Amino acid sequence: QLRLVESGGGLVQPGGSLRLSCAATGGTGGTLNGYAVAWFRQVPGKEREAVSTISTAAGNRRDYLGSVKGRFTLLRDDFENAVKLEMNDLKPEDTAVYYCAAKGPGHWVVDVYTPPEDYNYWGRGTQVTVSS
């Protein structure tokens, strides 16, 4: 059973940066490389939205929500068995609880339009607050 734990959230001023980490334990082969991974975010009263995804097919294709393109970067960290989300030039509208989700194991193509119910593993989330 794959277990995901997010970390790295916090309070940051507009224009600042944070790096979120989604660390994995368990799962097939003990590695997150065999799973497609997404970072979602959610604010109260709104639906959960995907901000970035990485596939395990199509050349490990990455996808980003339009509003975060050029500011967020998703990276696999094989040494830490984790997926990181580097967030730069943060804006107040980025404030949300950020969740890590995984689909797999197997070869999957995902993007920011892949619905949350397609992912079979979830972390508990980490709060990101962007405020002066």
Foldseek 3Di string as FASTA:
>chain_A
DKAWAKDWADEAAQQAKIKMKIFIADDVPGAQLQWKKWKWWDDPPDDIFTAKIFFNDPVRDIEGDPVQPPFWDWDQDRVRRIIMIIGGRDDQVVWTWMKMFIADRDGDDDYRPPDPVRTDYIYPTDTHGYHD
